[in-house]
């Protein structure tokens, strides 16, 4: 998602990426900078605009203020980027 950009759900994707950047220890200012570069890779569908710097800063602030731990695998913004080989990918457990 960070490498390719997104076509939809930019704000949710930005928030989820910010949570992950926080989890790996990236300082807030560098996370914002990385997400500013990420935004330029986005190609919103249906003529929507690319997420703004103010929106990126806001989403990153929310992510860094909270104690979020989820990768967001259940979010529609994240699902297309999930890889079944990921060690935390949700697995269906047989009864």
PDB file of N, CA and C in Angstrom:
ATOM      1  N   UNK A   1       0.830  -1.183   0.000  1.00  0.00           N
ATOM      2  CA  UNK A   1       0.000   0.000   0.000  1.00  0.00           C
ATOM      3  C   UNK A   1       0.880   1.255   0.000  1.00  0.00           C
ATOM      4  N   UNK A   2       1.922   1.229   0.813  1.00  0.00           N
ATOM      5  CA  UNK A   2       2.826   2.377   0.880  1.00  0.00           C
ATOM      6  C   UNK A   2       3.622   2.517  -0.418  1.00  0.00           C
ATOM      7  N   UNK A   3       3.988   1.403  -0.987  1.00  0.00           N
ATOM      8  CA  UNK A   3       4.795   1.408  -2.199  1.00  0.00           C
ATOM      9  C   UNK A   3       4.008   1.803  -3.441  1.00  0.00           C
ATOM     10  N   UNK A   4       2.758   1.343  -3.526  1.00  0.00           N
ATOM     11  CA  UNK A   4       1.966   1.512  -4.749  1.00  0.00           C
ATOM     12  C   UNK A   4       0.994   2.678  -4.734  1.00  0.00           C
ATOM     13  N   UNK A   5       0.617   3.152  -3.555  1.00  0.00           N
ATOM     14  CA  UNK A   5      -0.454   4.130  -3.462  1.00  0.00           C
ATOM     15  C   UNK A   5      -1.795   3.416  -3.526  1.00  0.00           C
ATOM     16  N   UNK A   6      -2.872   4.179  -3.414  1.00  0.00           N
ATOM     17  CA  UNK A   6      -4.216   3.598  -3.401  1.00  0.00           C
ATOM     18  C   UNK A   6      -5.116   4.301  -4.402  1.00  0.00           C
ATOM     19  N   UNK A   7      -6.241   3.639  -4.707  1.00  0.00           N
ATOM     20  CA  UNK A   7      -7.248   4.196  -5.605  1.00  0.00           C
ATOM     21  C   UNK A   7      -8.474   4.701  -4.844  1.00  0.00           C
ATOM     22  N   UNK A   8      -8.652   4.196  -3.618  1.00  0.00           N
ATOM     23  CA  UNK A   8      -9.832   4.535  -2.817  1.00  0.00           C
ATOM     24  C   UNK A   8      -9.454   4.522  -1.341  1.00  0.00           C
ATOM     25  N   UNK A   9     -10.327   5.063  -0.537  1.00  0.00           N
ATOM     26  CA  UNK A   9     -10.167   5.047   0.921  1.00  0.00           C
ATOM     27  C   UNK A   9      -8.839   5.647   1.379  1.00  0.00           C
ATOM     28  N   UNK A  10      -8.459   6.768   0.803  1.00  0.00           N
ATOM     29  CA  UNK A  10      -7.160   7.374   1.111  1.00  0.00           C
ATOM     30  C   UNK A  10      -6.987   7.746   2.579  1.00  0.00           C
ATOM     31  N   UNK A  11      -8.025   8.272   3.193  1.00  0.00           N
ATOM     32  CA  UNK A  11      -7.887   8.710   4.578  1.00  0.00           C
ATOM     33  C   UNK A  11      -7.727   7.525   5.526  1.00  0.00           C
ATOM     34  N   UNK A  12      -8.501   6.471   5.321  1.00  0.00           N
ATOM     35  CA  UNK A  12      -8.367   5.253   6.138  1.00  0.00           C
ATOM     36  C   UNK A  12      -7.001   4.627   5.890  1.00  0.00           C
ATOM     37  N   UNK A  13      -6.591   4.567   4.637  1.00  0.00           N
ATOM     38  CA  UNK A  13      -5.284   4.001   4.299  1.00  0.00           C
ATOM     39  C   UNK A  13      -4.171   4.816   4.944  1.00  0.00           C
ATOM     40  N   UNK A  14      -4.291   6.121   4.918  1.00  0.00           N
ATOM     41  CA  UNK A  14      -3.285   6.995   5.534  1.00  0.00           C
ATOM     42  C   UNK A  14      -3.201   6.723   7.030  1.00  0.00           C
ATOM     43  N   UNK A  15      -4.343   6.629   7.685  1.00  0.00           N
ATOM     44  CA  UNK A  15      -4.378   6.350   9.119  1.00  0.00           C
ATOM     45  C   UNK A  15      -3.719   5.008   9.421  1.00  0.00           C
ATOM     46  N   UNK A  16      -4.083   3.965   8.677  1.00  0.00           N
ATOM     47  CA  UNK A  16      -3.526   2.627   8.917  1.00  0.00           C
ATOM     48  C   UNK A  16      -2.025   2.596   8.664  1.00  0.00           C
ATOM     49  N   UNK A  17      -1.577   3.279   7.631  1.00  0.00           N
ATOM     50  CA  UNK A  17      -0.136   3.361   7.374  1.00  0.00           C
ATOM     51  C   UNK A  17       0.563   4.100   8.510  1.00  0.00           C
ATOM     52  N   UNK A  18      -0.044   5.175   8.992  1.00  0.00           N
ATOM     53  CA  UNK A  18       0.548   5.934  10.096  1.00  0.00           C
ATOM     54  C   UNK A  18       0.659   5.070  11.355  1.00  0.00           C
ATOM     55  N   UNK A  19      -0.358   4.254  11.620  1.00  0.00           N
ATOM     56  CA  UNK A  19      -0.298   3.352  12.774  1.00  0.00           C
ATOM     57  C   UNK A  19       0.898   2.418  12.637  1.00  0.00           C
ATOM     58  N   UNK A  20       1.098   1.882  11.446  1.00  0.00           N
ATOM     59  CA  UNK A  20       2.218   0.961  11.233  1.00  0.00           C
ATOM     60  C   UNK A  20       3.564   1.678  11.352  1.00  0.00           C
ATOM     61  N   UNK A  21       3.638   2.886  10.844  1.00  0.00           N
ATOM     62  CA  UNK A  21       4.885   3.647  10.952  1.00  0.00           C
ATOM     63  C   UNK A  21       5.204   3.956  12.412  1.00  0.00           C
ATOM     64  N   UNK A  22       4.181   4.241  13.183  1.00  0.00           N
ATOM     65  CA  UNK A  22       4.380   4.461  14.619  1.00  0.00           C
ATOM     66  C   UNK A  22       4.856   3.165  15.282  1.00  0.00           C
ATOM     67  N   UNK A  23       4.233   2.046  14.925  1.00  0.00           N
ATOM     68  CA  UNK A  23       4.583   0.754  15.537  1.00  0.00           C
ATOM     69  C   UNK A  23       6.043   0.370  15.287  1.00  0.00           C
ATOM     70  N   UNK A  24       6.589   0.758  14.140  1.00  0.00           N
ATOM     71  CA  UNK A  24       7.991   0.431  13.858  1.00  0.00           C
ATOM     72  C   UNK A  24       8.954   1.485  14.401  1.00  0.00           C
ATOM     73  N   UNK A  25       8.404   2.518  15.049  1.00  0.00           N
ATOM     74  CA  UNK A  25       9.252   3.492  15.726  1.00  0.00           C
ATOM     75  C   UNK A  25       9.639   4.721  14.927  1.00  0.00           C
ATOM     76  N   UNK A  26       8.998   4.954  13.800  1.00  0.00           N
ATOM     77  CA  UNK A  26       9.322   6.140  13.007  1.00  0.00           C
ATOM     78  C   UNK A  26       8.788   7.386  13.713  1.00  0.00           C
ATOM     79  N   UNK A  27       9.602   8.409  13.883  1.00  0.00           N
ATOM     80  CA  UNK A  27       9.120   9.646  14.522  1.00  0.00           C
ATOM     81  C   UNK A  27       7.990  10.278  13.704  1.00  0.00           C
ATOM     82  N   UNK A  28       7.135  11.017  14.395  1.00  0.00           N
ATOM     83  CA  UNK A  28       5.963  11.634  13.780  1.00  0.00           C
ATOM     84  C   UNK A  28       6.310  12.433  12.533  1.00  0.00           C
ATOM     85  N   UNK A  29       7.314  13.305  12.615  1.00  0.00           N
ATOM     86  CA  UNK A  29       7.636  14.178  11.485  1.00  0.00           C
ATOM     87  C   UNK A  29       8.082  13.383  10.257  1.00  0.00           C
ATOM     88  N   UNK A  30       8.797  12.298  10.479  1.00  0.00           N
ATOM     89  CA  UNK A  30       9.228  11.465   9.345  1.00  0.00           C
ATOM     90  C   UNK A  30       8.060  10.667   8.772  1.00  0.00           C
ATOM     91  N   UNK A  31       7.130  10.272   9.640  1.00  0.00           N
ATOM     92  CA  UNK A  31       5.930   9.579   9.160  1.00  0.00           C
ATOM     93  C   UNK A  31       5.115  10.504   8.258  1.00  0.00           C
ATOM     94  N   UNK A  32       4.945  11.744   8.693  1.00  0.00           N
ATOM     95  CA  UNK A  32       4.204  12.714   7.876  1.00  0.00           C
ATOM     96  C   UNK A  32       4.908  12.899   6.534  1.00  0.00           C
ATOM     97  N   UNK A  33       6.216  13.025   6.565  1.00  0.00           N
ATOM     98  CA  UNK A  33       6.985  13.197   5.331  1.00  0.00           C
ATOM     99  C   UNK A  33       6.816  11.997   4.403  1.00  0.00           C
ATOM    100  N   UNK A  34       6.911  10.804   4.956  1.00  0.00           N
ATOM    101  CA  UNK A  34       6.735   9.589   4.149  1.00  0.00           C
ATOM    102  C   UNK A  34       5.332   9.531   3.555  1.00  0.00           C
ATOM    103  N   UNK A  35       4.338   9.909   4.342  1.00  0.00           N
ATOM    104  CA  UNK A  35       2.954   9.856   3.857  1.00  0.00           C
ATOM    105  C   UNK A  35       2.671  10.947   2.831  1.00  0.00           C
ATOM    106  N   UNK A  36       3.385  12.054   2.897  1.00  0.00           N
ATOM    107  CA  UNK A  36       3.261  13.097   1.861  1.00  0.00           C
ATOM    108  C   UNK A  36       3.760  12.533   0.519  1.00  0.00           C
ATOM    109  N   UNK A  37       4.860  11.803   0.559  1.00  0.00           N
ATOM    110  CA  UNK A  37       5.377  11.169  -0.665  1.00  0.00           C
ATOM    111  C   UNK A  37       4.428  10.087  -1.153  1.00  0.00           C
ATOM    112  N   UNK A  38       3.899   9.301  -0.212  1.00  0.00           N
ATOM    113  CA  UNK A  38       2.932   8.246  -0.549  1.00  0.00           C
ATOM    114  C   UNK A  38       1.724   8.832  -1.273  1.00  0.00           C
ATOM    115  N   UNK A  39       1.230   9.964  -0.799  1.00  0.00           N
ATOM    116  CA  UNK A  39       0.030  10.570  -1.385  1.00  0.00           C
ATOM    117  C   UNK A  39       0.204  10.845  -2.874  1.00  0.00           C
ATOM    118  N   UNK A  40       1.413  11.177  -3.293  1.00  0.00           N
ATOM    119  CA  UNK A  40       1.657  11.472  -4.705  1.00  0.00           C
ATOM    120  C   UNK A  40       1.543  10.224  -5.584  1.00  0.00           C
ATOM    121  N   UNK A  41       1.605   9.047  -4.968  1.00  0.00           N
ATOM    122  CA  UNK A  41       1.444   7.787  -5.704  1.00  0.00           C
ATOM    123  C   UNK A  41      -0.025   7.404  -5.847  1.00  0.00           C
ATOM    124  N   UNK A  42      -0.885   8.041  -5.070  1.00  0.00           N
ATOM    125  CA  UNK A  42      -2.306   7.711  -5.106  1.00  0.00           C
ATOM    126  C   UNK A  42      -2.924   8.134  -6.427  1.00  0.00           C
ATOM    127  N   UNK A  43      -3.874   7.361  -6.854  1.00  0.00           N
ATOM    128  CA  UNK A  43      -4.585   7.635  -8.096  1.00  0.00           C
ATOM    129  C   UNK A  43      -6.075   7.437  -7.826  1.00  0.00           C
ATOM    130  N   UNK A  44      -6.689   8.416  -7.133  1.00  0.00           N
ATOM    131  CA  UNK A  44      -8.089   8.249  -6.730  1.00  0.00           C
ATOM    132  C   UNK A  44      -9.017   8.027  -7.916  1.00  0.00           C
ATOM    133  N   UNK A  45      -9.945   7.094  -7.725  1.00  0.00           N
ATOM    134  CA  UNK A  45     -10.892   6.810  -8.799  1.00  0.00           C
ATOM    135  C   UNK A  45     -12.029   7.827  -8.806  1.00  0.00           C
ATOM    136  N   UNK A  46     -12.774   7.836  -9.876  1.00  0.00           N
ATOM    137  CA  UNK A  46     -13.931   8.701 -10.084  1.00  0.00           C
ATOM    138  C   UNK A  46     -13.626  10.189  -9.933  1.00  0.00           C
ATOM    139  N   UNK A  47     -12.433  10.602 -10.333  1.00  0.00           N
ATOM    140  CA  UNK A  47     -12.091  12.019 -10.338  1.00  0.00           C
ATOM    141  C   UNK A  47     -11.914  12.663  -8.981  1.00  0.00           C
ATOM    142  N   UNK A  48     -11.792  11.860  -7.943  1.00  0.00           N
ATOM    143  CA  UNK A  48     -11.588  12.427  -6.605  1.00  0.00           C
ATOM    144  C   UNK A  48     -10.188  13.014  -6.511  1.00  0.00           C
ATOM    145  N   UNK A  49     -10.003  13.909  -5.561  1.00  0.00           N
ATOM    146  CA  UNK A  49      -8.706  14.546  -5.382  1.00  0.00           C
ATOM    147  C   UNK A  49      -7.807  13.692  -4.479  1.00  0.00           C
ATOM    148  N   UNK A  50      -6.529  13.945  -4.575  1.00  0.00           N
ATOM    149  CA  UNK A  50      -5.553  13.279  -3.715  1.00  0.00           C
ATOM    150  C   UNK A  50      -5.659  13.883  -2.318  1.00  0.00           C
ATOM    151  N   UNK A  51      -5.473  13.067  -1.312  1.00  0.00           N
ATOM    152  CA  UNK A  51      -5.500  13.510   0.080  1.00  0.00           C
ATOM    153  C   UNK A  51      -4.552  14.701   0.262  1.00  0.00           C
ATOM    154  N   UNK A  52      -4.991  15.690   1.022  1.00  0.00           N
ATOM    155  CA  UNK A  52      -4.221  16.927   1.183  1.00  0.00           C
ATOM    156  C   UNK A  52      -3.185  16.797   2.303  1.00  0.00           C
ATOM    157  N   UNK A  53      -2.180  17.666   2.300  1.00  0.00           N
ATOM    158  CA  UNK A  53      -1.207  17.671   3.396  1.00  0.00           C
ATOM    159  C   UNK A  53      -1.861  17.844   4.774  1.00  0.00           C
ATOM    160  N   UNK A  54      -2.879  18.692   4.860  1.00  0.00           N
ATOM    161  CA  UNK A  54      -3.571  18.891   6.139  1.00  0.00           C
ATOM    162  C   UNK A  54      -4.259  17.601   6.586  1.00  0.00           C
ATOM    163  N   UNK A  55      -4.864  16.882   5.651  1.00  0.00           N
ATOM    164  CA  UNK A  55      -5.525  15.618   5.988  1.00  0.00           C
ATOM    165  C   UNK A  55      -4.501  14.562   6.409  1.00  0.00           C
ATOM    166  N   UNK A  56      -3.360  14.551   5.750  1.00  0.00           N
ATOM    167  CA  UNK A  56      -2.297  13.606   6.117  1.00  0.00           C
ATOM    168  C   UNK A  56      -1.817  13.885   7.534  1.00  0.00           C
ATOM    169  N   UNK A  57      -1.578  15.145   7.835  1.00  0.00           N
ATOM    170  CA  UNK A  57      -1.124  15.523   9.171  1.00  0.00           C
ATOM    171  C   UNK A  57      -2.177  15.158  10.219  1.00  0.00           C
ATOM    172  N   UNK A  58      -3.435  15.384   9.910  1.00  0.00           N
ATOM    173  CA  UNK A  58      -4.517  15.063  10.832  1.00  0.00           C
ATOM    174  C   UNK A  58      -4.610  13.556  11.083  1.00  0.00           C
ATOM    175  N   UNK A  59      -4.602  12.760  10.023  1.00  0.00           N
ATOM    176  CA  UNK A  59      -4.696  11.301  10.168  1.00  0.00           C
ATOM    177  C   UNK A  59      -3.489  10.755  10.932  1.00  0.00           C
ATOM    178  N   UNK A  60      -2.313  11.296  10.655  1.00  0.00           N
ATOM    179  CA  UNK A  60      -1.105  10.852  11.337  1.00  0.00           C
ATOM    180  C   UNK A  60      -1.159  11.242  12.808  1.00  0.00           C
ATOM    181  N   UNK A  61      -1.667  12.414  13.106  1.00  0.00           N
ATOM    182  CA  UNK A  61      -1.815  12.850  14.499  1.00  0.00           C
ATOM    183  C   UNK A  61      -2.723  11.907  15.276  1.00  0.00           C
ATOM    184  N   UNK A  62      -3.848  11.535  14.687  1.00  0.00           N
ATOM    185  CA  UNK A  62      -4.751  10.588  15.348  1.00  0.00           C
ATOM    186  C   UNK A  62      -4.039   9.269  15.617  1.00  0.00           C
ATOM    187  N   UNK A  63      -3.317   8.790  14.630  1.00  0.00           N
ATOM    188  CA  UNK A  63      -2.616   7.510  14.774  1.00  0.00           C
ATOM    189  C   UNK A  63      -1.556   7.569  15.863  1.00  0.00           C
ATOM    190  N   UNK A  64      -0.842   8.664  15.943  1.00  0.00           N
ATOM    191  CA  UNK A  64       0.256   8.789  16.905  1.00  0.00           C
ATOM    192  C   UNK A  64      -0.236   9.112  18.318  1.00  0.00           C
ATOM    193  N   UNK A  65      -1.413   9.692  18.438  1.00  0.00           N
ATOM    194  CA  UNK A  65      -1.961   9.996  19.766  1.00  0.00           C
ATOM    195  C   UNK A  65      -2.572   8.775  20.431  1.00  0.00           C
ATOM    196  N   UNK A  66      -3.120   7.885  19.637  1.00  0.00           N
ATOM    197  CA  UNK A  66      -3.812   6.720  20.186  1.00  0.00           C
ATOM    198  C   UNK A  66      -2.878   5.550  20.418  1.00  0.00           C
ATOM    199  N   UNK A  67      -3.416   4.539  21.046  1.00  0.00           N
ATOM    200  CA  UNK A  67      -2.661   3.312  21.303  1.00  0.00           C
ATOM    201  C   UNK A  67      -3.188   2.209  20.382  1.00  0.00           C
ATOM    202  N   UNK A  68      -3.185   2.483  19.088  1.00  0.00           N
ATOM    203  CA  UNK A  68      -3.714   1.546  18.098  1.00  0.00           C
ATOM    204  C   UNK A  68      -2.700   0.438  17.840  1.00  0.00           C
ATOM    205  N   UNK A  69      -3.192  -0.786  17.739  1.00  0.00           N
ATOM    206  CA  UNK A  69      -2.299  -1.913  17.525  1.00  0.00           C
ATOM    207  C   UNK A  69      -2.702  -2.746  16.305  1.00  0.00           C
ATOM    208  N   UNK A  70      -3.928  -2.594  15.862  1.00  0.00           N
ATOM    209  CA  UNK A  70      -4.424  -3.401  14.752  1.00  0.00           C
ATOM    210  C   UNK A  70      -3.778  -2.979  13.433  1.00  0.00           C
ATOM    211  N   UNK A  71      -3.535  -3.956  12.601  1.00  0.00           N
ATOM    212  CA  UNK A  71      -3.021  -3.668  11.249  1.00  0.00           C
ATOM    213  C   UNK A  71      -4.140  -3.229  10.325  1.00  0.00           C
ATOM    214  N   UNK A  72      -5.371  -3.432  10.745  1.00  0.00           N
ATOM    215  CA  UNK A  72      -6.504  -3.015   9.930  1.00  0.00           C
ATOM    216  C   UNK A  72      -6.886  -3.999   8.854  1.00  0.00           C
ATOM    217  N   UNK A  73      -6.510  -5.249   9.035  1.00  0.00           N
ATOM    218  CA  UNK A  73      -6.791  -6.273   8.021  1.00  0.00           C
ATOM    219  C   UNK A  73      -8.271  -6.326   7.645  1.00  0.00           C
ATOM    220  N   UNK A  74      -9.138  -5.931   8.573  1.00  0.00           N
ATOM    221  CA  UNK A  74     -10.575  -5.986   8.335  1.00  0.00           C
ATOM    222  C   UNK A  74     -11.100  -4.778   7.564  1.00  0.00           C
ATOM    223  N   UNK A  75     -10.311  -3.721   7.455  1.00  0.00           N
ATOM    224  CA  UNK A  75     -10.726  -2.509   6.754  1.00  0.00           C
ATOM    225  C   UNK A  75     -10.710  -2.709   5.242  1.00  0.00           C
ATOM    226  N   UNK A  76     -11.729  -2.148   4.586  1.00  0.00           N
ATOM    227  CA  UNK A  76     -11.800  -2.227   3.127  1.00  0.00           C
ATOM    228  C   UNK A  76     -10.593  -1.560   2.471  1.00  0.00           C
ATOM    229  N   UNK A  77     -10.005  -0.576   3.132  1.00  0.00           N
ATOM    230  CA  UNK A  77      -8.839   0.115   2.583  1.00  0.00           C
ATOM    231  C   UNK A  77      -7.600  -0.758   2.600  1.00  0.00           C
ATOM    232  N   UNK A  78      -7.556  -1.730   3.498  1.00  0.00           N
ATOM    233  CA  UNK A  78      -6.368  -2.558   3.682  1.00  0.00           C
ATOM    234  C   UNK A  78      -6.493  -3.909   2.977  1.00  0.00           C
ATOM    235  N   UNK A  79      -7.686  -4.469   2.937  1.00  0.00           N
ATOM    236  CA  UNK A  79      -7.908  -5.817   2.387  1.00  0.00           C
ATOM    237  C   UNK A  79      -7.221  -6.082   1.045  1.00  0.00           C
ATOM    238  N   UNK A  80      -7.289  -5.161   0.091  1.00  0.00           N
ATOM    239  CA  UNK A  80      -6.666  -5.458  -1.212  1.00  0.00           C
ATOM    240  C   UNK A  80      -5.143  -5.628  -1.146  1.00  0.00           C
ATOM    241  N   UNK A  81      -4.546  -5.173  -0.055  1.00  0.00           N
ATOM    242  CA  UNK A  81      -3.093  -5.224   0.072  1.00  0.00           C
ATOM    243  C   UNK A  81      -2.614  -6.342   0.990  1.00  0.00           C
ATOM    244  N   UNK A  82      -3.554  -7.082   1.565  1.00  0.00           N
ATOM    245  CA  UNK A  82      -3.180  -8.167   2.475  1.00  0.00           C
ATOM    246  C   UNK A  82      -2.572  -9.329   1.701  1.00  0.00           C
ATOM    247  N   UNK A  83      -1.626  -9.957   2.334  1.00  0.00           N
ATOM    248  CA  UNK A  83      -0.933 -11.099   1.753  1.00  0.00           C
ATOM    249  C   UNK A  83      -1.162 -12.296   2.665  1.00  0.00           C
ATOM    250  N   UNK A  84      -1.639 -13.387   2.120  1.00  0.00           N
ATOM    251  CA  UNK A  84      -1.941 -14.558   2.935  1.00  0.00           C
ATOM    252  C   UNK A  84      -0.705 -15.157   3.598  1.00  0.00           C
ATOM    253  N   UNK A  85       0.492 -14.802   3.137  1.00  0.00           N
ATOM    254  CA  UNK A  85       1.704 -15.318   3.771  1.00  0.00           C
ATOM    255  C   UNK A  85       2.104 -14.481   4.990  1.00  0.00           C
ATOM    256  N   UNK A  86       1.412 -13.387   5.229  1.00  0.00           N
ATOM    257  CA  UNK A  86       1.693 -12.532   6.380  1.00  0.00           C
ATOM    258  C   UNK A  86       1.433 -13.322   7.666  1.00  0.00           C
ATOM    259  N   UNK A  87       2.350 -13.248   8.616  1.00  0.00           N
ATOM    260  CA  UNK A  87       2.171 -14.024   9.856  1.00  0.00           C
ATOM    261  C   UNK A  87       0.992 -13.591  10.700  1.00  0.00           C
ATOM    262  N   UNK A  88       0.466 -12.401  10.469  1.00  0.00           N
ATOM    263  CA  UNK A  88      -0.692 -11.975  11.254  1.00  0.00           C
ATOM    264  C   UNK A  88      -1.966 -11.947  10.429  1.00  0.00           C
ATOM    265  N   UNK A  89      -1.916 -12.495   9.226  1.00  0.00           N
ATOM    266  CA  UNK A  89      -3.096 -12.578   8.376  1.00  0.00           C
ATOM    267  C   UNK A  89      -4.163 -13.395   9.083  1.00  0.00           C
ATOM    268  N   UNK A  90      -5.405 -12.883   9.124  1.00  0.00           N
ATOM    269  CA  UNK A  90      -6.465 -13.660   9.786  1.00  0.00           C
ATOM    270  C   UNK A  90      -6.616 -15.047   9.156  1.00  0.00           C
ATOM    271  N   UNK A  91      -6.666 -16.015  10.000  1.00  0.00           N
ATOM    272  CA  UNK A  91      -6.826 -17.389   9.525  1.00  0.00           C
ATOM    273  C   UNK A  91      -8.144 -17.960  10.018  1.00  0.00           C
ATOM    274  N   UNK A  92      -8.768 -18.752   9.184  1.00  0.00           N
ATOM    275  CA  UNK A  92     -10.002 -19.431   9.585  1.00  0.00           C
ATOM    276  C   UNK A  92      -9.590 -20.704  10.304  1.00  0.00           C
ATOM    277  N   UNK A  93     -10.040 -20.818  11.524  1.00  0.00           N
ATOM    278  CA  UNK A  93      -9.701 -21.995  12.332  1.00  0.00           C
ATOM    279  C   UNK A  93     -10.829 -23.002  12.193  1.00  0.00           C
ATOM    280  N   UNK A  94     -10.475 -24.236  11.838  1.00  0.00           N
ATOM    281  CA  UNK A  94     -11.485 -25.290  11.689  1.00  0.00           C
ATOM    282  C   UNK A  94     -12.083 -25.629  13.043  1.00  0.00           C
ATOM    283  N   UNK A  95     -13.413 -25.892  13.078  1.00  0.00           N
ATOM    284  CA  UNK A  95     -14.059 -26.212  14.362  1.00  0.00           C
ATOM    285  C   UNK A  95     -13.614 -27.546  14.914  1.00  0.00           C
TER     286      UNK A  95
END
